[in-house]
Amino acid sequence: MERPPMGAFKTDGFISYDIAQWVQDLKYEDLSPEAVERVKLFWYDSVGCALGGSQTEDAQILLAHHREMHGETGGDCTCFVTGYKTNPVDAAFLNNHMVRAMDFNDIYWKADPSHPSDIICGPLAICEAKGLSGKDLILATIVAYEIEMRLVEIGQPGVREYGWHHATLTGFAAPFAAGKALGLTRDQLVHAAGICASRTGSLGAVTAGRLTMMKNTVDPWATRMGVESAMLAARGFSGPEHIFDGKEGLFHVFGHSVCQGKPCTFDSEGLTRDLPKSPGDHYRILDCGMKSFPIEALSHAPLSAMMKIVNEHKIDPDSVAEIRVEVIARAADILGDPHKYRPTSRETADHSLPYAMAVGLVDGKVTPLQFEDERVQDPKLIPVMDKVKVIANEEFEARFPEFQPSRVTLVLNDGTSHVQQVDVPKGDARDPMTQSEIKVKFDALGSGVIGQARCDAAGELIMALDAEANLGRFFETLRA
């Protein structure tokens, strides 16, 4: 197996400067109306996820930990729901963990998966601290989505294929988004990226086997470091400019890995090719999807397929003998390993295809309520999970990631079978959730936390975010 020679790395003209120049130059007036509208919708969706996520055990542990560490001395930045005040670094972390905690936020999956909204509470914290406007937040959000989504496109294959979590890549995107809000220069942005990415590599163990609270924490932690790195760079702290394409940078280090007999590489030009600079250009955020179920992204198509069968044919759960699920190989590997047949926690259950299919069949829906501990640990679901057979379909591989094909066959006790294939789950950019559908999701997650009146007010404010001179009202509406 041939590996790239040790000397095969750049020594000048580093790509970090090209990205940083784009970030520095981009202005609100350069954004397309469609991109601005999508930013608002993704904030609407993400804040709803945060309201629900604020009630999880791990979010409450993190808040209690930070309160013990720092007390109630206050700060410039606000945490959702409680109104707890702290510094920008900790606020970014705590708020983005709430967005991520239920694994219900956005999804973009190419060579690697990503959840760009795992980054956006970084610039949010800085915008609040600096008294910036809704337009400033929208602009920094565009930067977060554009860079994160390009990063997960360029791996050949993606870093997840050889054991690294995609938060590794978030460490390269988060400092640019935070740095945009902070108003860093090109050179400061380069340093911020170097500071952050040199210490945010994340092992794939957090999503393999029995899952823990770290599964939803590594990406927000990379965002936390992105904010701190941008703040350090603003003070003159330096980081390696060659963090992408120089000696022992991202491309060089992962070039030592081999997948299917070939060295792993990156399409480095894909990071900067046709970066949008005017309202007529295409912004990546238009390609990102949302989740209609609070489960891992590759579970959406098979669950949608099964629910179509159940609803169309009025299937009685007791009449089902087998649930045959054909998916791409990585979905079978991540979502169908032995641990996923016996989930004992929400973290494992929402990454378990057997659990999602079983509880969807029995309950007729998959909502956050299906991930309460009592439901996850219900022994009555075990025999239903054992009916789920997860099969890697090699023919589907050629169609991924453009599509997420899944075929479900329900075999009934009388020998009858029903088949349904879904290529594009609801919420995908090609079948996007509407504002009214996002409101239903937002209200379901938030009405029990902040009340329906505040949910209504928050939705209206977010969808007019570009009219806000500062973020005071934004945070006030999100307090319990």
Protein backbone atom coordinates (compact mmCIF):
# COMPACT_ATOMS: atom_id res chain seq x y z
CA MET A 1 0.00 0.00 0.00
CA GLU A 2 1.51 3.27 -1.11
CA ARG A 3 1.58 6.17 1.32
CA PRO A 4 2.38 9.81 0.52
CA PRO A 5 6.06 10.66 1.09
CA MET A 6 6.89 12.56 4.27
CA GLY A 7 7.91 15.59 2.25
CA ALA A 8 4.63 15.83 0.35
CA PHE A 9 3.27 18.93 2.03
CA LYS A 10 2.99 22.62 1.22
CA THR A 11 5.46 25.17 2.49
CA ASP A 12 3.71 28.38 1.43
CA GLY A 13 0.46 29.71 -0.02
CA PHE A 14 -1.56 28.04 2.71
CA ILE A 15 -5.28 27.61 2.11
CA SER A 16 -6.13 29.05 5.53
CA TYR A 17 -5.34 32.52 4.15
CA ASP A 18 -7.75 32.07 1.23
CA ILE A 19 -10.57 31.02 3.56
CA ALA A 20 -9.78 33.80 6.01
CA GLN A 21 -9.80 36.41 3.25
CA TRP A 22 -13.26 35.29 2.17
CA VAL A 23 -14.51 35.41 5.77
CA GLN A 24 -13.09 38.87 6.34
CA ASP A 25 -14.49 40.30 3.08
CA LEU A 26 -18.01 38.84 3.23
CA LYS A 27 -20.68 41.46 3.98
CA TYR A 28 -24.37 41.17 4.80
CA GLU A 29 -25.17 42.85 1.47
CA ASP A 30 -23.45 39.94 -0.30
CA LEU A 31 -26.00 37.41 0.96
CA SER A 32 -28.88 36.20 -1.16
CA PRO A 33 -32.43 36.65 0.16
CA GLU A 34 -32.87 32.87 0.01
CA ALA A 35 -29.79 32.33 2.19
CA VAL A 36 -30.97 34.88 4.75
CA GLU A 37 -34.37 33.20 4.92
CA ARG A 38 -32.76 29.80 5.47
CA VAL A 39 -30.60 31.19 8.26
CA LYS A 40 -33.75 32.30 10.06
CA LEU A 41 -35.39 28.90 9.57
CA PHE A 42 -32.33 27.08 10.87
CA TRP A 43 -32.22 29.34 13.91
CA TYR A 44 -35.94 28.65 14.46
CA ASP A 45 -35.29 24.91 14.29
CA SER A 46 -32.10 25.06 16.38
CA VAL A 47 -33.60 27.11 19.20
CA GLY A 48 -36.51 24.70 19.40
CA CYS A 49 -34.00 21.87 19.74
CA ALA A 50 -32.22 23.85 22.48
CA LEU A 51 -35.44 24.30 24.46
CA GLY A 52 -36.03 20.58 24.42
CA GLY A 53 -32.36 19.85 25.00
CA SER A 54 -32.29 22.06 28.09
CA GLN A 55 -34.35 19.43 29.89
CA THR A 56 -31.93 16.56 29.32
CA GLU A 57 -29.85 15.20 32.16
CA ASP A 58 -26.54 15.96 30.47
CA ALA A 59 -27.47 19.62 29.86
CA GLN A 60 -28.43 19.99 33.50
CA ILE A 61 -25.19 18.37 34.65
CA LEU A 62 -23.15 20.77 32.52
CA LEU A 63 -25.04 23.81 33.80
CA ALA A 64 -24.61 22.70 37.42
CA HIS A 65 -20.91 22.11 36.80
CA HIS A 66 -20.39 25.58 35.32
CA ARG A 67 -22.35 27.19 38.14
CA GLU A 68 -20.14 25.41 40.68
CA MET A 69 -17.01 26.44 38.77
CA HIS A 70 -17.94 30.10 38.29
CA GLY A 71 -20.77 30.81 40.70
CA GLU A 72 -23.48 33.36 39.95
CA THR A 73 -21.09 36.26 39.38
CA GLY A 74 -22.57 36.98 35.99
CA GLY A 75 -21.07 37.85 32.65
CA ASP A 76 -21.90 39.34 29.28
CA CYS A 77 -23.59 36.29 27.79
CA THR A 78 -26.87 34.51 28.47
CA CYS A 79 -27.78 30.84 28.57
CA PHE A 80 -31.09 29.70 27.13
CA VAL A 81 -34.06 29.02 29.45
CA THR A 82 -32.41 29.76 32.82
CA GLY A 83 -30.97 33.13 31.86
CA TYR A 84 -27.72 32.16 33.59
CA LYS A 85 -25.05 34.76 32.76
CA THR A 86 -21.47 33.78 32.04
CA ASN A 87 -18.57 34.44 29.67
CA PRO A 88 -18.77 33.98 25.86
CA VAL A 89 -16.76 30.74 25.86
CA ASP A 90 -18.95 28.93 28.38
CA ALA A 91 -22.20 30.40 27.01
CA ALA A 92 -21.31 29.15 23.53
CA PHE A 93 -20.68 25.68 24.91
CA LEU A 94 -23.75 25.43 27.14
CA ASN A 95 -26.15 26.82 24.52
CA ASN A 96 -24.79 24.72 21.68
CA HIS A 97 -24.89 21.62 23.82
CA MET A 98 -28.61 22.29 24.36
CA VAL A 99 -29.06 22.57 20.58
CA ARG A 100 -27.28 19.24 20.15
CA ALA A 101 -28.44 17.34 23.23
CA MET A 102 -31.43 15.56 21.66
CA ASP A 103 -29.74 14.86 18.30
CA PHE A 104 -32.74 16.61 16.74
CA ASN A 105 -30.92 19.49 15.03
CA ASP A 106 -29.91 19.89 11.39
CA ILE A 107 -27.95 17.44 9.24
CA TYR A 108 -25.69 17.59 6.20
CA TRP A 109 -24.03 14.32 5.20
CA LYS A 110 -21.57 14.01 2.37
CA ALA A 111 -18.19 12.31 2.75
CA ASP A 112 -18.67 13.02 6.47
CA PRO A 113 -21.77 13.89 8.49
CA SER A 114 -22.18 17.29 10.10
CA HIS A 115 -24.59 19.38 12.12
CA PRO A 116 -23.66 22.98 11.25
CA SER A 117 -25.98 24.34 13.94
CA ASP A 118 -23.56 22.80 16.46
CA ILE A 119 -21.42 25.87 15.70
CA ILE A 120 -23.82 28.80 15.65
CA CYS A 121 -24.05 29.54 19.38
CA GLY A 122 -20.37 30.51 19.17
CA PRO A 123 -21.01 33.67 17.13
CA LEU A 124 -24.27 34.12 19.06
CA ALA A 125 -22.33 34.53 22.31
CA ILE A 126 -19.91 37.00 20.76
CA CYS A 127 -22.70 38.99 19.12
CA GLU A 128 -24.45 39.32 22.47
CA ALA A 129 -21.25 40.29 24.28
CA LYS A 130 -20.42 42.96 21.68
CA GLY A 131 -23.98 44.28 21.37
CA LEU A 132 -24.18 43.31 17.69
CA SER A 133 -27.30 43.06 15.56
CA GLY A 134 -29.37 40.25 14.12
CA LYS A 135 -27.77 40.93 10.74
CA ASP A 136 -24.31 40.37 12.25
CA LEU A 137 -25.49 37.03 13.64
CA ILE A 138 -26.97 36.03 10.29
CA LEU A 139 -23.68 36.80 8.54
CA ALA A 140 -21.60 34.76 11.00
CA THR A 141 -24.12 31.91 10.72
CA ILE A 142 -23.61 31.85 6.95
CA VAL A 143 -19.85 31.51 7.55
CA ALA A 144 -20.40 28.60 9.93
CA TYR A 145 -22.58 26.69 7.47
CA GLU A 146 -20.47 27.42 4.40
CA ILE A 147 -17.16 26.25 5.86
CA GLU A 148 -18.50 23.31 7.86
CA MET A 149 -20.45 21.95 4.90
CA ARG A 150 -17.48 22.28 2.56
CA LEU A 151 -15.23 20.50 5.07
CA VAL A 152 -17.45 17.43 5.15
CA GLU A 153 -17.56 17.28 1.35
CA ILE A 154 -13.83 17.09 0.65
CA GLY A 155 -12.64 13.88 2.33
CA GLN A 156 -11.84 10.98 0.01
CA PRO A 157 -13.21 9.16 1.99
CA GLY A 158 -14.43 11.13 4.99
CA VAL A 159 -12.57 11.01 8.30
CA ARG A 160 -15.44 9.04 9.90
CA GLU A 161 -14.55 6.10 7.67
CA TYR A 162 -11.27 5.58 9.49
CA GLY A 163 -12.32 6.21 13.03
CA TRP A 164 -12.48 9.96 13.64
CA HIS A 165 -15.56 11.94 14.65
CA HIS A 166 -16.70 14.84 12.47
CA ALA A 167 -16.15 17.24 15.40
CA THR A 168 -12.53 17.01 14.23
CA LEU A 169 -13.61 19.09 11.23
CA THR A 170 -15.79 21.41 13.30
CA GLY A 171 -12.57 22.52 14.97
CA PHE A 172 -11.56 24.03 11.63
CA ALA A 173 -14.91 25.80 10.99
CA ALA A 174 -15.89 27.10 14.43
CA PRO A 175 -13.05 29.63 14.80
CA PHE A 176 -13.90 31.26 11.46
CA ALA A 177 -17.55 31.72 12.47
CA ALA A 178 -16.63 33.11 15.90
CA GLY A 179 -13.88 35.22 14.34
CA LYS A 180 -16.32 36.75 11.87
CA ALA A 181 -18.54 37.93 14.72
CA LEU A 182 -15.50 39.21 16.57
CA GLY A 183 -14.36 41.19 13.50
CA LEU A 184 -10.96 39.52 13.19
CA THR A 185 -8.58 40.41 10.37
CA ARG A 186 -7.45 37.86 7.81
CA ASP A 187 -4.26 37.04 9.71
CA GLN A 188 -6.07 36.82 13.04
CA LEU A 189 -8.59 34.41 11.51
CA VAL A 190 -5.73 32.22 10.28
CA HIS A 191 -4.27 32.15 13.78
CA ALA A 192 -7.67 31.40 15.33
CA ALA A 193 -8.10 28.39 13.03
CA GLY A 194 -4.61 27.19 13.85
CA ILE A 195 -5.15 27.52 17.61
CA CYS A 196 -8.48 25.70 17.54
CA ALA A 197 -7.91 22.90 15.04
CA SER A 198 -4.57 21.90 16.53
CA ARG A 199 -6.32 20.63 19.67
CA THR A 200 -9.87 19.56 18.74
CA GLY A 201 -9.38 16.15 17.12
CA SER A 202 -12.17 13.81 18.25
CA LEU A 203 -12.13 10.02 18.20
CA GLY A 204 -15.05 8.20 16.63
CA ALA A 205 -15.46 6.14 19.80
CA VAL A 206 -18.10 8.61 20.96
CA THR A 207 -20.54 7.25 18.36
CA ALA A 208 -19.43 3.61 18.37
CA GLY A 209 -20.87 0.86 20.53
CA ARG A 210 -22.53 1.89 23.80
CA LEU A 211 -23.02 5.64 23.62
CA THR A 212 -22.54 8.15 26.41
CA MET A 213 -23.19 11.82 27.05
CA MET A 214 -20.04 12.65 25.09
CA LYS A 215 -21.81 11.76 21.85
CA ASN A 216 -23.63 15.10 21.86
CA THR A 217 -20.83 17.04 23.49
CA VAL A 218 -17.76 16.79 21.24
CA ASP A 219 -19.10 19.14 18.57
CA PRO A 220 -20.21 21.86 21.04
CA TRP A 221 -16.82 21.47 22.71
CA ALA A 222 -15.13 22.21 19.39
CA THR A 223 -17.34 25.30 19.12
CA ARG A 224 -16.33 26.31 22.65
CA MET A 225 -12.70 26.13 21.57
CA GLY A 226 -13.52 28.07 18.41
CA VAL A 227 -14.77 31.00 20.48
CA GLU A 228 -11.81 30.90 22.84
CA SER A 229 -9.38 30.62 19.93
CA ALA A 230 -10.91 33.65 18.19
CA MET A 231 -10.68 35.65 21.41
CA LEU A 232 -7.05 34.63 21.89
CA ALA A 233 -6.19 35.49 18.29
CA ALA A 234 -7.72 38.94 18.82
CA ARG A 235 -5.16 39.45 21.61
CA GLY A 236 -2.26 38.40 19.39
CA PHE A 237 -1.96 34.72 20.33
CA SER A 238 -0.64 32.73 17.36
CA GLY A 239 -1.47 29.37 15.84
CA PRO A 240 -0.09 27.36 12.90
CA GLU A 241 -1.02 28.84 9.53
CA HIS A 242 -0.41 25.48 7.86
CA ILE A 243 -3.10 23.68 9.87
CA PHE A 244 -4.91 22.54 6.71
CA ASP A 245 -2.31 21.79 4.06
CA GLY A 246 1.16 22.14 5.53
CA LYS A 247 3.51 19.78 7.30
CA GLU A 248 1.58 17.63 9.79
CA GLY A 249 -1.60 19.58 9.11
CA LEU A 250 -4.99 18.00 8.40
CA PHE A 251 -4.27 16.76 4.89
CA HIS A 252 -0.76 15.51 5.68
CA VAL A 253 -1.67 13.65 8.88
CA PHE A 254 -4.74 11.92 7.49
CA GLY A 255 -2.80 11.08 4.35
CA HIS A 256 -1.10 8.36 6.40
CA SER A 257 -4.43 6.56 6.80
CA VAL A 258 -5.47 3.93 4.30
CA CYS A 259 -9.02 2.97 3.35
CA GLN A 260 -9.72 0.01 1.05
CA GLY A 261 -6.05 -0.13 0.11
CA LYS A 262 -5.74 3.53 -0.89
CA PRO A 263 -4.30 6.53 0.98
CA CYS A 264 -6.92 8.94 2.26
CA THR A 265 -6.87 12.32 0.53
CA PHE A 266 -8.74 15.61 0.46
CA ASP A 267 -10.07 17.73 -2.37
CA SER A 268 -8.40 20.86 -1.04
CA GLU A 269 -9.72 23.04 -3.87
CA GLY A 270 -13.23 22.14 -2.77
CA LEU A 271 -12.78 24.32 0.29
CA THR A 272 -12.44 27.52 -1.73
CA ARG A 273 -13.90 26.71 -5.13
CA ASP A 274 -16.68 29.21 -6.01
CA LEU A 275 -17.01 30.62 -2.51
CA PRO A 276 -20.15 32.81 -2.63
CA LYS A 277 -19.50 36.54 -2.73
CA SER A 278 -22.71 38.09 -4.05
CA PRO A 279 -26.50 37.71 -3.82
CA GLY A 280 -26.52 35.78 -7.09
CA ASP A 281 -24.15 33.08 -5.82
CA HIS A 282 -25.16 29.77 -4.26
CA TYR A 283 -24.76 29.49 -0.48
CA ARG A 284 -24.27 26.02 1.00
CA ILE A 285 -26.89 26.60 3.71
CA LEU A 286 -29.56 26.07 1.03
CA ASP A 287 -28.39 22.45 0.77
CA CYS A 288 -28.60 21.61 4.47
CA GLY A 289 -31.44 19.54 5.89
CA MET A 290 -33.45 19.36 9.11
CA LYS A 291 -34.68 16.42 11.15
CA SER A 292 -38.31 15.49 11.46
CA PHE A 293 -37.43 12.76 13.98
CA PRO A 294 -35.09 13.06 17.03
CA ILE A 295 -32.79 10.29 15.81
CA GLU A 296 -29.52 9.81 13.97
CA ALA A 297 -29.73 11.06 10.38
CA LEU A 298 -29.39 7.74 8.57
CA SER A 299 -32.37 6.36 10.52
CA HIS A 300 -34.77 8.86 8.99
CA ALA A 301 -35.24 7.21 5.60
CA PRO A 302 -35.92 3.68 6.95
CA LEU A 303 -38.24 4.98 9.67
CA SER A 304 -40.11 7.11 7.11
CA ALA A 305 -40.43 4.06 4.85
CA MET A 306 -41.81 1.87 7.64
CA MET A 307 -44.26 4.50 8.84
CA LYS A 308 -45.59 4.86 5.28
CA ILE A 309 -46.28 1.12 5.20
CA VAL A 310 -47.89 1.11 8.64
CA ASN A 311 -50.13 4.07 7.90
CA GLU A 312 -51.09 3.01 4.38
CA HIS A 313 -51.94 -0.59 5.28
CA LYS A 314 -53.14 -0.01 8.87
CA ILE A 315 -50.62 -2.51 10.20
CA ASP A 316 -51.23 -3.96 13.67
CA PRO A 317 -47.85 -4.16 15.50
CA ASP A 318 -48.69 -7.65 16.80
CA SER A 319 -49.14 -8.91 13.23
CA VAL A 320 -45.51 -8.19 12.24
CA ALA A 321 -43.11 -11.12 12.13
CA GLU A 322 -40.04 -9.35 10.73
CA ILE A 323 -38.86 -5.83 9.90
CA ARG A 324 -36.21 -6.11 7.20
CA VAL A 325 -34.22 -2.88 6.80
CA GLU A 326 -31.81 -2.39 3.89
CA VAL A 327 -29.45 0.57 4.26
CA ILE A 328 -25.97 1.65 3.24
CA ALA A 329 -23.08 -0.12 4.95
CA ARG A 330 -22.12 2.70 7.32
CA ALA A 331 -25.72 2.97 8.55
CA ALA A 332 -25.76 -0.74 9.29
CA ASP A 333 -22.43 -0.43 11.09
CA ILE A 334 -23.32 2.65 13.17
CA LEU A 335 -26.98 1.94 13.86
CA GLY A 336 -27.28 -1.84 13.87
CA ASP A 337 -24.37 -3.14 15.96
CA PRO A 338 -25.21 -5.47 18.92
CA HIS A 339 -25.28 -2.67 21.51
CA LYS A 340 -28.03 -0.95 19.52
CA TYR A 341 -30.37 -3.90 20.10
CA ARG A 342 -30.30 -3.33 23.85
CA PRO A 343 -30.20 0.44 24.42
CA THR A 344 -30.31 1.55 28.03
CA SER A 345 -29.96 5.30 27.53
CA ARG A 346 -31.28 8.04 25.27
CA GLU A 347 -27.82 8.48 23.75
CA THR A 348 -27.76 4.88 22.51
CA ALA A 349 -31.47 4.72 21.68
CA ASP A 350 -31.42 7.68 19.30
CA HIS A 351 -28.56 5.99 17.43
CA SER A 352 -30.31 2.61 17.39
CA LEU A 353 -32.13 1.59 14.22
CA PRO A 354 -33.75 -1.41 15.96
CA TYR A 355 -35.10 0.83 18.71
CA ALA A 356 -36.38 3.54 16.34
CA MET A 357 -38.17 1.00 14.16
CA ALA A 358 -39.58 -0.93 17.13
CA VAL A 359 -40.88 2.06 19.05
CA GLY A 360 -42.20 3.65 15.83
CA LEU A 361 -44.13 0.48 15.05
CA VAL A 362 -45.57 0.07 18.55
CA ASP A 363 -46.23 3.72 19.42
CA GLY A 364 -47.10 4.90 15.92
CA LYS A 365 -44.74 7.88 16.29
CA VAL A 366 -41.17 8.80 17.22
CA THR A 367 -40.95 12.00 19.26
CA PRO A 368 -38.80 13.09 22.21
CA LEU A 369 -41.26 11.26 24.47
CA GLN A 370 -40.07 7.97 22.98
CA PHE A 371 -36.60 8.64 24.43
CA GLU A 372 -37.60 9.05 28.05
CA ASP A 373 -35.75 6.52 30.22
CA GLU A 374 -38.92 4.63 31.10
CA ARG A 375 -39.73 4.03 27.43
CA VAL A 376 -36.18 3.21 26.36
CA GLN A 377 -35.87 0.61 29.11
CA ASP A 378 -39.30 -0.96 28.58
CA PRO A 379 -38.66 -4.74 28.28
CA LYS A 380 -41.74 -5.12 26.10
CA LEU A 381 -39.81 -3.51 23.23
CA ILE A 382 -37.02 -6.12 23.28
CA PRO A 383 -38.87 -8.81 21.28
CA VAL A 384 -39.93 -6.16 18.76
CA MET A 385 -36.34 -4.95 18.36
CA ASP A 386 -35.29 -8.55 17.75
CA LYS A 387 -37.62 -8.62 14.73
CA VAL A 388 -35.50 -5.92 13.07
CA LYS A 389 -32.93 -7.26 10.61
CA VAL A 390 -30.47 -4.60 9.45
CA ILE A 391 -28.88 -5.43 6.09
CA ALA A 392 -26.15 -3.54 4.25
CA ASN A 393 -27.24 -3.11 0.63
CA GLU A 394 -24.21 -2.71 -1.64
CA GLU A 395 -26.33 -1.33 -4.48
CA PHE A 396 -27.28 1.65 -2.32
CA GLU A 397 -23.64 2.65 -1.81
CA ALA A 398 -23.29 4.10 -5.31
CA ARG A 399 -26.23 6.46 -4.70
CA PHE A 400 -24.94 7.83 -1.38
CA PRO A 401 -24.45 10.63 -0.36
CA GLU A 402 -26.56 12.27 -3.08
CA PHE A 403 -29.41 10.10 -1.79
CA GLN A 404 -29.99 8.19 1.44
CA PRO A 405 -31.71 5.12 0.03
CA SER A 406 -33.42 2.70 2.38
CA ARG A 407 -35.79 -0.16 1.69
CA VAL A 408 -38.04 -1.61 4.38
CA THR A 409 -39.93 -4.87 4.12
CA LEU A 410 -42.56 -5.68 6.72
CA VAL A 411 -43.24 -9.42 6.80
CA LEU A 412 -46.50 -10.30 8.57
CA ASN A 413 -47.33 -13.43 10.52
CA ASP A 414 -49.53 -14.72 7.68
CA GLY A 415 -46.63 -14.48 5.20
CA THR A 416 -47.82 -11.24 3.57
CA SER A 417 -45.10 -8.66 2.98
CA HIS A 418 -45.13 -4.94 2.22
CA VAL A 419 -42.17 -3.05 0.73
CA GLN A 420 -41.39 0.67 0.71
CA GLN A 421 -38.26 2.51 -0.42
CA VAL A 422 -37.37 6.07 0.57
CA ASP A 423 -34.45 7.94 -0.98
CA VAL A 424 -34.96 11.43 0.45
CA PRO A 425 -36.31 11.76 4.01
CA LYS A 426 -38.60 14.60 5.02
CA GLY A 427 -36.49 17.60 6.03
CA ASP A 428 -33.90 17.07 3.30
CA ALA A 429 -33.23 20.19 1.26
CA ARG A 430 -35.14 18.56 -1.60
CA ASP A 431 -38.17 18.03 0.64
CA PRO A 432 -37.66 20.78 3.23
CA MET A 433 -39.64 21.41 6.37
CA THR A 434 -41.83 24.48 6.02
CA GLN A 435 -41.98 27.30 8.54
CA SER A 436 -45.30 25.97 9.83
CA GLU A 437 -43.81 22.48 10.23
CA ILE A 438 -40.84 23.93 12.11
CA LYS A 439 -43.28 25.79 14.37
CA VAL A 440 -45.02 22.51 15.24
CA LYS A 441 -41.64 21.01 16.16
CA PHE A 442 -40.59 24.16 18.06
CA ASP A 443 -43.82 24.30 20.06
CA ALA A 444 -43.69 20.59 20.88
CA LEU A 445 -40.18 21.00 22.26
CA GLY A 446 -40.58 24.41 23.88
CA SER A 447 -44.13 24.99 25.11
CA GLY A 448 -43.58 22.93 28.25
CA VAL A 449 -40.33 24.79 28.94
CA ILE A 450 -41.04 28.48 28.30
CA GLY A 451 -44.80 28.43 27.67
CA GLN A 452 -46.76 28.74 24.45
CA ALA A 453 -46.91 32.56 24.51
CA ARG A 454 -43.13 32.82 24.58
CA CYS A 455 -42.84 30.15 21.88
CA ASP A 456 -45.06 32.25 19.64
CA ALA A 457 -43.08 35.41 20.41
CA ALA A 458 -39.73 33.69 19.87
CA GLY A 459 -40.82 32.32 16.50
CA GLU A 460 -41.95 35.73 15.29
CA LEU A 461 -38.74 37.37 16.50
CA ILE A 462 -36.44 34.77 14.91
CA MET A 463 -38.19 35.04 11.56
CA ALA A 464 -37.53 38.81 11.70
CA LEU A 465 -34.03 38.45 13.12
CA ASP A 466 -32.57 40.89 10.59
CA ALA A 467 -34.63 43.67 12.16
CA GLU A 468 -33.12 43.25 15.65
CA ALA A 469 -30.61 45.95 16.62
CA ASN A 470 -29.23 43.69 19.36
CA LEU A 471 -30.02 40.30 20.85
CA GLY A 472 -31.60 41.39 24.12
CA ARG A 473 -35.17 40.51 23.11
CA PHE A 474 -33.98 37.25 21.55
CA PHE A 475 -32.70 35.95 24.88
CA GLU A 476 -35.56 37.40 26.91
CA THR A 477 -38.19 35.47 24.95
CA LEU A 478 -36.25 32.23 25.55
CA ARG A 479 -36.33 32.42 29.35
CA ALA A 480 -38.56 30.08 31.32
